[in-house]
N, C-alpha and C. Protein backbone atom coordinates (compact mmCIF):
# COMPACT_ATOMS: atom_id res chain seq x y z
N MET A 1 -92.57 46.27 -35.19
CA MET A 1 -91.16 46.26 -34.85
C MET A 1 -90.65 44.82 -34.79
N PHE A 2 -89.41 44.68 -35.09
CA PHE A 2 -88.76 43.37 -35.08
C PHE A 2 -87.89 43.26 -33.83
N ARG A 3 -88.13 42.25 -33.06
CA ARG A 3 -87.32 42.05 -31.86
C ARG A 3 -86.51 40.77 -32.03
N CYS A 4 -85.24 40.86 -31.79
CA CYS A 4 -84.35 39.72 -31.97
C CYS A 4 -83.76 39.33 -30.63
N GLY A 5 -83.63 38.04 -30.37
CA GLY A 5 -83.00 37.58 -29.15
C GLY A 5 -83.80 36.46 -28.52
N ILE A 6 -83.34 36.05 -27.38
CA ILE A 6 -83.98 34.95 -26.65
C ILE A 6 -84.92 35.54 -25.62
N ASP A 7 -86.11 34.97 -25.52
CA ASP A 7 -87.02 35.37 -24.46
C ASP A 7 -86.64 34.54 -23.24
N TYR A 8 -85.76 35.09 -22.42
CA TYR A 8 -85.22 34.35 -21.28
C TYR A 8 -86.29 33.91 -20.30
N SER A 9 -87.34 34.72 -20.16
CA SER A 9 -88.37 34.38 -19.18
C SER A 9 -89.08 33.08 -19.55
N ARG A 10 -89.16 32.76 -20.85
CA ARG A 10 -89.78 31.50 -21.26
C ARG A 10 -88.77 30.37 -21.40
N CYS A 11 -87.53 30.69 -21.75
CA CYS A 11 -86.52 29.68 -22.03
C CYS A 11 -85.71 29.29 -20.80
N ARG A 12 -85.97 29.90 -19.67
CA ARG A 12 -85.12 29.66 -18.51
C ARG A 12 -85.24 28.25 -17.95
N TRP A 13 -86.27 27.54 -18.30
CA TRP A 13 -86.45 26.18 -17.76
C TRP A 13 -85.69 25.13 -18.55
N ILE A 14 -85.01 25.55 -19.61
CA ILE A 14 -84.23 24.60 -20.40
C ILE A 14 -83.06 24.06 -19.58
N MET A 15 -82.42 24.91 -18.79
CA MET A 15 -81.26 24.47 -18.00
C MET A 15 -81.63 23.40 -16.97
N PRO A 16 -82.67 23.61 -16.15
CA PRO A 16 -83.05 22.52 -15.24
C PRO A 16 -83.48 21.26 -15.99
N LEU A 17 -84.07 21.43 -17.17
CA LEU A 17 -84.46 20.26 -17.97
C LEU A 17 -83.22 19.49 -18.42
N LEU A 18 -82.17 20.20 -18.82
CA LEU A 18 -80.91 19.53 -19.18
C LEU A 18 -80.33 18.78 -17.98
N LEU A 19 -80.42 19.38 -16.80
CA LEU A 19 -79.93 18.70 -15.59
C LEU A 19 -80.76 17.46 -15.29
N LEU A 20 -82.07 17.52 -15.56
CA LEU A 20 -82.91 16.34 -15.38
C LEU A 20 -82.46 15.22 -16.32
N PHE A 21 -82.13 15.58 -17.56
CA PHE A 21 -81.60 14.58 -18.50
C PHE A 21 -80.28 14.01 -17.99
N ALA A 22 -79.43 14.85 -17.43
CA ALA A 22 -78.15 14.36 -16.88
C ALA A 22 -78.41 13.39 -15.73
N ILE A 23 -79.38 13.67 -14.88
CA ILE A 23 -79.74 12.76 -13.79
C ILE A 23 -80.20 11.42 -14.35
N ILE A 24 -81.06 11.47 -15.36
CA ILE A 24 -81.55 10.23 -15.97
C ILE A 24 -80.40 9.44 -16.60
N PHE A 25 -79.50 10.12 -17.30
CA PHE A 25 -78.35 9.46 -17.92
C PHE A 25 -77.46 8.81 -16.84
N ASP A 26 -77.25 9.52 -15.73
CA ASP A 26 -76.44 8.96 -14.65
C ASP A 26 -77.10 7.72 -14.05
N ILE A 27 -78.39 7.78 -13.83
CA ILE A 27 -79.10 6.63 -13.27
C ILE A 27 -79.00 5.43 -14.21
N ILE A 28 -79.14 5.68 -15.51
CA ILE A 28 -79.00 4.59 -16.49
C ILE A 28 -77.59 4.00 -16.42
N ALA A 29 -76.57 4.86 -16.38
CA ALA A 29 -75.18 4.37 -16.35
C ALA A 29 -74.90 3.58 -15.08
N ILE A 30 -75.40 4.06 -13.96
CA ILE A 30 -75.12 3.40 -12.68
C ILE A 30 -75.91 2.10 -12.53
N ALA A 31 -77.16 2.10 -12.96
CA ALA A 31 -78.03 0.95 -12.72
C ALA A 31 -77.94 -0.12 -13.79
N ALA A 32 -77.27 0.13 -14.89
CA ALA A 32 -77.22 -0.83 -15.99
C ALA A 32 -76.59 -2.14 -15.54
N GLN A 33 -77.22 -3.23 -15.90
CA GLN A 33 -76.71 -4.56 -15.56
C GLN A 33 -75.70 -5.06 -16.59
N SER A 34 -75.71 -4.46 -17.74
CA SER A 34 -74.70 -4.75 -18.76
C SER A 34 -74.46 -3.45 -19.50
N GLY A 35 -73.50 -3.43 -20.36
CA GLY A 35 -73.37 -2.29 -21.22
C GLY A 35 -72.23 -1.33 -20.93
N TRP A 36 -71.35 -1.62 -19.99
CA TRP A 36 -70.18 -0.75 -19.84
C TRP A 36 -69.09 -1.22 -20.78
N VAL A 37 -68.82 -2.52 -20.77
CA VAL A 37 -67.78 -3.08 -21.65
C VAL A 37 -68.27 -4.44 -22.12
N GLU A 38 -68.01 -4.75 -23.39
CA GLU A 38 -68.28 -6.10 -23.88
C GLU A 38 -67.19 -6.50 -24.86
N ASP A 39 -67.02 -7.82 -25.01
CA ASP A 39 -65.99 -8.29 -25.93
C ASP A 39 -66.44 -8.07 -27.38
N GLU A 40 -65.54 -8.38 -28.29
CA GLU A 40 -65.78 -8.09 -29.70
C GLU A 40 -67.05 -8.75 -30.22
N SER A 41 -67.30 -9.96 -29.83
CA SER A 41 -68.50 -10.66 -30.30
C SER A 41 -69.73 -10.29 -29.48
N GLY A 42 -69.53 -9.83 -28.27
CA GLY A 42 -70.65 -9.49 -27.40
C GLY A 42 -71.33 -10.69 -26.81
N LYS A 43 -70.72 -11.88 -26.94
CA LYS A 43 -71.37 -13.11 -26.49
C LYS A 43 -70.58 -13.89 -25.46
N ALA A 44 -69.35 -13.48 -25.18
CA ALA A 44 -68.51 -14.29 -24.29
C ALA A 44 -68.13 -13.56 -23.01
N HIS A 45 -68.11 -12.24 -23.03
CA HIS A 45 -67.62 -11.51 -21.86
C HIS A 45 -68.17 -10.09 -21.89
N TYR A 46 -68.82 -9.68 -20.81
CA TYR A 46 -69.25 -8.29 -20.69
C TYR A 46 -69.29 -7.90 -19.22
N THR A 47 -69.25 -6.59 -18.98
CA THR A 47 -69.26 -6.11 -17.60
C THR A 47 -70.18 -4.90 -17.47
N SER A 48 -70.66 -4.73 -16.26
CA SER A 48 -71.34 -3.49 -15.89
C SER A 48 -70.40 -2.77 -14.92
N MET A 49 -70.89 -1.73 -14.30
CA MET A 49 -70.06 -1.05 -13.30
C MET A 49 -69.88 -1.95 -12.08
N TRP A 50 -70.81 -2.88 -11.88
CA TRP A 50 -70.84 -3.68 -10.66
C TRP A 50 -70.34 -5.11 -10.84
N THR A 51 -70.58 -5.71 -12.01
CA THR A 51 -70.39 -7.15 -12.18
C THR A 51 -69.73 -7.47 -13.52
N GLU A 52 -68.98 -8.58 -13.50
CA GLU A 52 -68.36 -9.10 -14.71
C GLU A 52 -69.01 -10.43 -15.05
N TYR A 53 -69.36 -10.65 -16.31
CA TYR A 53 -70.00 -11.89 -16.76
C TYR A 53 -69.13 -12.53 -17.83
N ARG A 54 -68.88 -13.85 -17.67
CA ARG A 54 -68.11 -14.62 -18.66
C ARG A 54 -68.90 -15.85 -19.06
N HIS A 55 -68.87 -16.14 -20.35
CA HIS A 55 -69.52 -17.34 -20.88
C HIS A 55 -68.46 -18.40 -21.10
N ILE A 56 -68.42 -19.41 -20.20
CA ILE A 56 -67.42 -20.47 -20.28
C ILE A 56 -68.14 -21.81 -20.22
N ASN A 57 -67.86 -22.67 -21.21
CA ASN A 57 -68.44 -24.01 -21.27
C ASN A 57 -69.96 -23.99 -21.17
N ASP A 58 -70.59 -23.19 -22.03
CA ASP A 58 -72.05 -23.07 -22.09
C ASP A 58 -72.69 -22.65 -20.77
N LYS A 59 -71.96 -21.93 -19.98
CA LYS A 59 -72.49 -21.47 -18.69
C LYS A 59 -71.93 -20.08 -18.41
N TRP A 60 -72.78 -19.21 -17.86
CA TRP A 60 -72.36 -17.86 -17.52
C TRP A 60 -71.85 -17.82 -16.10
N GLU A 61 -70.64 -17.30 -15.95
CA GLU A 61 -70.08 -17.09 -14.61
C GLU A 61 -70.17 -15.61 -14.28
N GLU A 62 -70.59 -15.34 -13.06
CA GLU A 62 -70.76 -13.97 -12.61
C GLU A 62 -69.78 -13.68 -11.49
N LYS A 63 -69.06 -12.56 -11.60
CA LYS A 63 -68.10 -12.17 -10.58
C LYS A 63 -68.32 -10.71 -10.23
N SER A 64 -68.44 -10.42 -8.96
CA SER A 64 -68.63 -9.05 -8.52
C SER A 64 -67.33 -8.26 -8.69
N LEU A 65 -67.42 -7.08 -9.26
CA LEU A 65 -66.26 -6.21 -9.36
C LEU A 65 -66.05 -5.42 -8.07
N MET A 66 -67.01 -5.49 -7.17
CA MET A 66 -66.92 -4.72 -5.93
C MET A 66 -65.87 -5.28 -4.96
N ASP A 67 -65.25 -6.37 -5.32
CA ASP A 67 -64.11 -6.88 -4.54
C ASP A 67 -62.84 -6.10 -4.87
N GLU A 68 -62.86 -5.41 -5.99
CA GLU A 68 -61.70 -4.63 -6.44
C GLU A 68 -61.81 -3.20 -5.91
N GLY A 69 -60.71 -2.65 -5.42
CA GLY A 69 -60.70 -1.29 -4.89
C GLY A 69 -61.02 -0.25 -5.94
N TRP A 70 -60.53 -0.43 -7.16
CA TRP A 70 -60.79 0.54 -8.23
C TRP A 70 -62.25 0.57 -8.60
N ALA A 71 -62.92 -0.57 -8.59
CA ALA A 71 -64.35 -0.62 -8.92
C ALA A 71 -65.18 0.03 -7.82
N GLN A 72 -64.76 -0.14 -6.57
CA GLN A 72 -65.44 0.54 -5.47
C GLN A 72 -65.29 2.05 -5.61
N ALA A 73 -64.10 2.49 -6.01
CA ALA A 73 -63.87 3.93 -6.19
C ALA A 73 -64.74 4.47 -7.32
N VAL A 74 -64.84 3.74 -8.41
CA VAL A 74 -65.68 4.17 -9.53
C VAL A 74 -67.13 4.27 -9.09
N ALA A 75 -67.62 3.26 -8.39
CA ALA A 75 -69.01 3.27 -7.92
C ALA A 75 -69.25 4.43 -6.96
N ALA A 76 -68.32 4.64 -6.03
CA ALA A 76 -68.47 5.73 -5.06
C ALA A 76 -68.48 7.09 -5.74
N LEU A 77 -67.55 7.30 -6.67
CA LEU A 77 -67.50 8.59 -7.37
C LEU A 77 -68.75 8.84 -8.20
N MET A 78 -69.24 7.82 -8.88
CA MET A 78 -70.45 7.99 -9.70
C MET A 78 -71.68 8.26 -8.83
N ILE A 79 -71.80 7.56 -7.72
CA ILE A 79 -72.96 7.75 -6.84
C ILE A 79 -72.89 9.11 -6.14
N ILE A 80 -71.72 9.50 -5.65
CA ILE A 80 -71.57 10.82 -5.04
C ILE A 80 -71.86 11.91 -6.07
N GLY A 81 -71.38 11.73 -7.29
CA GLY A 81 -71.67 12.68 -8.36
C GLY A 81 -73.17 12.78 -8.63
N LEU A 82 -73.87 11.65 -8.63
CA LEU A 82 -75.32 11.66 -8.84
C LEU A 82 -76.04 12.40 -7.72
N ILE A 83 -75.63 12.17 -6.48
CA ILE A 83 -76.26 12.85 -5.34
C ILE A 83 -76.05 14.36 -5.42
N ILE A 84 -74.82 14.78 -5.73
CA ILE A 84 -74.55 16.22 -5.87
C ILE A 84 -75.33 16.79 -7.05
N LEU A 85 -75.45 16.02 -8.13
CA LEU A 85 -76.21 16.46 -9.29
C LEU A 85 -77.69 16.69 -8.94
N ILE A 86 -78.24 15.82 -8.12
CA ILE A 86 -79.64 15.99 -7.68
C ILE A 86 -79.78 17.27 -6.86
N PHE A 87 -78.81 17.53 -5.96
CA PHE A 87 -78.84 18.80 -5.20
C PHE A 87 -78.73 20.00 -6.14
N ALA A 88 -77.85 19.92 -7.14
CA ALA A 88 -77.70 21.01 -8.10
C ALA A 88 -79.00 21.23 -8.87
N PHE A 89 -79.67 20.16 -9.22
CA PHE A 89 -80.95 20.27 -9.93
C PHE A 89 -81.98 21.02 -9.07
N ILE A 90 -82.07 20.64 -7.80
CA ILE A 90 -83.01 21.31 -6.89
C ILE A 90 -82.66 22.78 -6.73
N ILE A 91 -81.38 23.08 -6.56
CA ILE A 91 -80.94 24.48 -6.41
C ILE A 91 -81.21 25.26 -7.70
N SER A 92 -81.06 24.61 -8.85
CA SER A 92 -81.33 25.31 -10.12
C SER A 92 -82.80 25.67 -10.24
N ILE A 93 -83.68 24.79 -9.79
CA ILE A 93 -85.12 25.10 -9.84
C ILE A 93 -85.43 26.27 -8.90
N VAL A 94 -84.86 26.23 -7.68
CA VAL A 94 -85.06 27.34 -6.75
C VAL A 94 -84.49 28.63 -7.35
N GLY A 95 -83.33 28.54 -7.98
CA GLY A 95 -82.72 29.70 -8.61
C GLY A 95 -83.55 30.26 -9.75
N MET A 96 -84.19 29.42 -10.53
CA MET A 96 -85.03 29.90 -11.61
C MET A 96 -86.32 30.53 -11.09
N LEU A 97 -86.80 30.06 -9.96
CA LEU A 97 -88.00 30.65 -9.36
C LEU A 97 -87.69 32.00 -8.71
N ASN A 98 -86.55 32.11 -8.03
CA ASN A 98 -86.20 33.33 -7.31
C ASN A 98 -85.31 34.28 -8.11
N VAL A 99 -84.64 33.78 -9.12
CA VAL A 99 -83.72 34.53 -9.98
C VAL A 99 -82.72 35.35 -9.15
N GLU A 100 -81.91 34.64 -8.41
CA GLU A 100 -80.82 35.26 -7.63
C GLU A 100 -79.50 34.69 -8.13
N SER A 101 -78.50 35.55 -8.25
CA SER A 101 -77.22 35.12 -8.81
C SER A 101 -76.52 34.07 -7.94
N ALA A 102 -76.74 34.11 -6.62
CA ALA A 102 -76.09 33.14 -5.74
C ALA A 102 -76.50 31.71 -6.08
N PHE A 103 -77.77 31.51 -6.43
CA PHE A 103 -78.24 30.17 -6.79
C PHE A 103 -77.56 29.67 -8.05
N PHE A 104 -77.36 30.58 -9.01
CA PHE A 104 -76.72 30.18 -10.26
C PHE A 104 -75.25 29.83 -10.05
N ILE A 105 -74.56 30.62 -9.24
CA ILE A 105 -73.15 30.34 -8.95
C ILE A 105 -73.01 29.02 -8.20
N ILE A 106 -73.85 28.80 -7.19
CA ILE A 106 -73.80 27.55 -6.42
C ILE A 106 -74.05 26.36 -7.34
N THR A 107 -75.06 26.47 -8.20
CA THR A 107 -75.36 25.39 -9.14
C THR A 107 -74.18 25.13 -10.07
N GLY A 108 -73.58 26.20 -10.59
CA GLY A 108 -72.43 26.04 -11.48
C GLY A 108 -71.25 25.37 -10.81
N VAL A 109 -70.98 25.76 -9.56
CA VAL A 109 -69.86 25.15 -8.82
C VAL A 109 -70.15 23.68 -8.53
N LEU A 110 -71.37 23.37 -8.12
CA LEU A 110 -71.73 21.96 -7.86
C LEU A 110 -71.60 21.12 -9.13
N LEU A 111 -71.98 21.68 -10.26
CA LEU A 111 -71.88 20.93 -11.51
C LEU A 111 -70.43 20.71 -11.93
N VAL A 112 -69.55 21.67 -11.64
CA VAL A 112 -68.12 21.45 -11.91
C VAL A 112 -67.61 20.30 -11.05
N ILE A 113 -68.02 20.26 -9.79
CA ILE A 113 -67.61 19.17 -8.89
C ILE A 113 -68.11 17.83 -9.42
N VAL A 114 -69.38 17.80 -9.85
CA VAL A 114 -69.94 16.56 -10.43
C VAL A 114 -69.13 16.13 -11.64
N ALA A 115 -68.84 17.06 -12.53
CA ALA A 115 -68.09 16.73 -13.74
C ALA A 115 -66.71 16.18 -13.40
N ILE A 116 -66.03 16.80 -12.44
CA ILE A 116 -64.70 16.32 -12.05
C ILE A 116 -64.77 14.91 -11.47
N LEU A 117 -65.72 14.67 -10.56
CA LEU A 117 -65.86 13.34 -9.96
C LEU A 117 -66.14 12.28 -11.02
N GLN A 118 -67.05 12.61 -11.95
CA GLN A 118 -67.42 11.61 -12.94
C GLN A 118 -66.34 11.42 -14.00
N ILE A 119 -65.62 12.47 -14.34
CA ILE A 119 -64.50 12.29 -15.27
C ILE A 119 -63.45 11.35 -14.66
N ILE A 120 -63.16 11.55 -13.38
CA ILE A 120 -62.20 10.67 -12.71
C ILE A 120 -62.70 9.23 -12.73
N ALA A 121 -63.98 9.02 -12.39
CA ALA A 121 -64.54 7.67 -12.38
C ALA A 121 -64.52 7.04 -13.78
N LEU A 122 -64.88 7.82 -14.78
CA LEU A 122 -64.96 7.29 -16.14
C LEU A 122 -63.59 7.09 -16.77
N ILE A 123 -62.54 7.62 -16.16
CA ILE A 123 -61.18 7.33 -16.61
C ILE A 123 -60.59 6.16 -15.83
N ILE A 124 -60.88 6.08 -14.53
CA ILE A 124 -60.38 4.98 -13.71
C ILE A 124 -60.87 3.63 -14.25
N TYR A 125 -62.14 3.57 -14.65
CA TYR A 125 -62.73 2.29 -15.08
C TYR A 125 -61.99 1.66 -16.26
N PRO A 126 -61.83 2.34 -17.40
CA PRO A 126 -61.16 1.68 -18.52
C PRO A 126 -59.68 1.41 -18.27
N VAL A 127 -59.02 2.30 -17.52
CA VAL A 127 -57.59 2.08 -17.25
C VAL A 127 -57.41 0.79 -16.47
N ASN A 128 -58.18 0.63 -15.40
CA ASN A 128 -58.05 -0.58 -14.58
C ASN A 128 -58.65 -1.81 -15.25
N PHE A 129 -59.70 -1.64 -16.02
CA PHE A 129 -60.24 -2.77 -16.76
C PHE A 129 -59.19 -3.31 -17.72
N ASN A 130 -58.52 -2.43 -18.44
CA ASN A 130 -57.50 -2.87 -19.39
C ASN A 130 -56.31 -3.52 -18.70
N GLU A 131 -55.96 -3.08 -17.49
CA GLU A 131 -54.83 -3.68 -16.77
C GLU A 131 -55.18 -5.03 -16.15
N LYS A 132 -56.36 -5.17 -15.60
CA LYS A 132 -56.68 -6.34 -14.78
C LYS A 132 -57.50 -7.41 -15.50
N ILE A 133 -58.39 -7.01 -16.39
CA ILE A 133 -59.34 -7.97 -16.95
C ILE A 133 -59.14 -8.19 -18.43
N PHE A 134 -58.54 -7.30 -19.11
CA PHE A 134 -58.45 -7.29 -20.57
C PHE A 134 -57.93 -8.62 -21.12
N GLU A 135 -58.70 -9.20 -22.04
CA GLU A 135 -58.31 -10.46 -22.69
C GLU A 135 -58.74 -10.43 -24.16
N GLY A 136 -58.26 -9.53 -24.91
CA GLY A 136 -58.64 -9.45 -26.32
C GLY A 136 -59.18 -8.07 -26.66
N ARG A 137 -60.12 -8.04 -27.58
CA ARG A 137 -60.67 -6.78 -28.05
C ARG A 137 -62.01 -6.50 -27.39
N TYR A 138 -62.14 -5.32 -26.80
CA TYR A 138 -63.35 -4.93 -26.08
C TYR A 138 -63.86 -3.59 -26.57
N TYR A 139 -65.15 -3.39 -26.40
CA TYR A 139 -65.79 -2.13 -26.75
C TYR A 139 -66.49 -1.56 -25.53
N TYR A 140 -66.36 -0.25 -25.35
CA TYR A 140 -67.11 0.44 -24.30
C TYR A 140 -68.45 0.80 -24.91
N THR A 141 -69.52 0.39 -24.25
CA THR A 141 -70.82 0.41 -24.91
C THR A 141 -71.77 1.44 -24.30
N TRP A 142 -73.04 1.21 -24.47
CA TRP A 142 -74.09 2.22 -24.26
C TRP A 142 -74.12 2.79 -22.84
N ALA A 143 -74.04 1.99 -21.80
CA ALA A 143 -74.16 2.52 -20.43
C ALA A 143 -72.96 3.41 -20.09
N TYR A 144 -71.78 3.01 -20.53
CA TYR A 144 -70.59 3.84 -20.34
C TYR A 144 -70.76 5.16 -21.09
N GLY A 145 -71.36 5.10 -22.26
CA GLY A 145 -71.64 6.31 -23.03
C GLY A 145 -72.64 7.22 -22.33
N PHE A 146 -73.63 6.65 -21.66
CA PHE A 146 -74.57 7.47 -20.89
C PHE A 146 -73.85 8.19 -19.75
N GLY A 147 -72.86 7.54 -19.14
CA GLY A 147 -72.08 8.19 -18.10
C GLY A 147 -71.33 9.39 -18.65
N TRP A 148 -70.73 9.24 -19.82
CA TRP A 148 -70.04 10.37 -20.45
C TRP A 148 -71.02 11.44 -20.89
N GLY A 149 -72.19 11.04 -21.36
CA GLY A 149 -73.20 12.01 -21.76
C GLY A 149 -73.62 12.89 -20.59
N ALA A 150 -73.88 12.27 -19.44
CA ALA A 150 -74.25 13.03 -18.24
C ALA A 150 -73.12 13.97 -17.82
N THR A 151 -71.90 13.51 -17.92
CA THR A 151 -70.75 14.33 -17.53
C THR A 151 -70.60 15.54 -18.45
N ILE A 152 -70.76 15.35 -19.73
CA ILE A 152 -70.64 16.45 -20.68
C ILE A 152 -71.76 17.47 -20.47
N ILE A 153 -72.98 16.99 -20.22
CA ILE A 153 -74.09 17.91 -19.93
C ILE A 153 -73.78 18.72 -18.67
N CYS A 154 -73.27 18.07 -17.63
CA CYS A 154 -72.94 18.78 -16.39
C CYS A 154 -71.87 19.84 -16.62
N LEU A 155 -70.86 19.50 -17.38
CA LEU A 155 -69.78 20.45 -17.64
C LEU A 155 -70.30 21.66 -18.43
N GLY A 156 -71.08 21.40 -19.46
CA GLY A 156 -71.64 22.51 -20.24
C GLY A 156 -72.59 23.37 -19.44
N CYS A 157 -73.46 22.74 -18.66
CA CYS A 157 -74.41 23.50 -17.84
C CYS A 157 -73.70 24.31 -16.76
N SER A 158 -72.58 23.81 -16.26
CA SER A 158 -71.86 24.57 -15.22
C SER A 158 -71.38 25.91 -15.76
N PHE A 159 -70.86 25.92 -16.99
CA PHE A 159 -70.42 27.17 -17.59
C PHE A 159 -71.60 28.11 -17.84
N ILE A 160 -72.69 27.54 -18.33
CA ILE A 160 -73.86 28.37 -18.63
C ILE A 160 -74.45 28.96 -17.36
N PHE A 161 -74.55 28.15 -16.28
CA PHE A 161 -75.10 28.69 -15.03
C PHE A 161 -74.22 29.82 -14.49
N CYS A 162 -72.92 29.69 -14.62
CA CYS A 162 -72.06 30.79 -14.16
C CYS A 162 -72.21 32.02 -15.03
N CYS A 163 -72.47 31.86 -16.31
CA CYS A 163 -72.66 33.00 -17.21
C CYS A 163 -74.04 33.63 -17.07
N LEU A 164 -75.01 32.90 -16.54
CA LEU A 164 -76.37 33.43 -16.41
C LEU A 164 -76.44 34.62 -15.45
N THR A 165 -75.44 34.78 -14.61
CA THR A 165 -75.46 35.92 -13.69
C THR A 165 -75.41 37.25 -14.44
N ASN A 166 -74.95 37.24 -15.68
CA ASN A 166 -74.93 38.46 -16.49
C ASN A 166 -76.29 38.78 -17.10
N CYS A 167 -77.23 37.85 -17.02
CA CYS A 167 -78.53 38.01 -17.68
C CYS A 167 -79.69 38.03 -16.70
N LEU A 168 -79.47 38.39 -15.46
CA LEU A 168 -80.53 38.31 -14.44
C LEU A 168 -81.75 39.15 -14.80
N ASP A 169 -81.54 40.36 -15.31
CA ASP A 169 -82.68 41.20 -15.68
C ASP A 169 -83.49 40.57 -16.81
N ASP A 170 -82.77 39.97 -17.76
CA ASP A 170 -83.46 39.31 -18.87
C ASP A 170 -84.28 38.13 -18.37
N ILE A 171 -83.75 37.36 -17.46
CA ILE A 171 -84.45 36.19 -16.94
C ILE A 171 -85.68 36.61 -16.13
N ARG A 172 -85.55 37.68 -15.37
CA ARG A 172 -86.68 38.19 -14.58
C ARG A 172 -87.77 38.78 -15.47
N GLY A 173 -87.41 39.17 -16.67
CA GLY A 173 -88.36 39.84 -17.55
C GLY A 173 -88.31 41.35 -17.38
N ASP A 174 -87.28 41.88 -16.73
CA ASP A 174 -87.15 43.32 -16.48
C ASP A 174 -86.30 44.03 -17.53
N GLU A 175 -85.92 43.34 -18.58
CA GLU A 175 -85.00 43.92 -19.54
C GLU A 175 -85.68 45.01 -20.38
N LYS A 176 -84.88 45.91 -20.84
CA LYS A 176 -85.36 46.95 -21.74
C LYS A 176 -85.35 46.35 -23.15
N ILE A 177 -86.39 46.58 -23.89
CA ILE A 177 -86.48 46.02 -25.23
C ILE A 177 -85.45 46.70 -26.13
N ARG A 178 -84.66 45.88 -26.82
CA ARG A 178 -83.65 46.38 -27.73
C ARG A 178 -84.04 45.98 -29.15
N TYR A 179 -84.12 46.95 -30.01
CA TYR A 179 -84.52 46.69 -31.39
C TYR A 179 -83.30 46.77 -32.30
N ILE A 180 -83.26 45.89 -33.27
CA ILE A 180 -82.20 45.92 -34.26
C ILE A 180 -82.51 46.99 -35.30
N TYR A 181 -83.75 47.04 -35.70
CA TYR A 181 -84.15 47.99 -36.72
C TYR A 181 -85.34 48.80 -36.21
N GLU A 182 -85.28 50.06 -36.40
CA GLU A 182 -86.37 50.92 -35.96
C GLU A 182 -86.78 51.81 -37.13
N SER A 183 -88.02 51.72 -37.53
CA SER A 183 -88.48 52.54 -38.65
C SER A 183 -88.82 53.94 -38.18
N LYS A 184 -88.67 54.90 -39.07
CA LYS A 184 -88.92 56.30 -38.69
C LYS A 184 -90.14 56.84 -39.35
């Protein structure tokens, strides 16, 4: 017999694995010492979420962005989002072990909150950077991209976790086998 479909009992760990990748991406974005924004040449001016670096007269000047209210807001939103994401990851593992719909719903709601917080942070940063610091042509680089990558993973996983409540029997392994073709 031919059986078509996903073996949910084996594939159920993909979702927590995606959340683990989102956690890693967030940590990279938050901890990066460079890589949020750099000038066109990449040699005279660049910033991280925390610090701004300028190359003036053969010397690098370092200025903390944490003196600015908008930068503090970005840092707070990203860190709070990371903490909530870690809680969602733990709840998703518990949910996959116990296969209860409440765990999936809670995880989905937490991931929506993470996505909202990080979208706000990732929009505040370029808007305020362009208003306050902008001096020519700049590129948003790899660490900023990791922040968006984590946010997109969280948003996608939130929808999937909420939809998983329709597949509880499949995830538990209690589903009835459905065949596409049955020979007589």
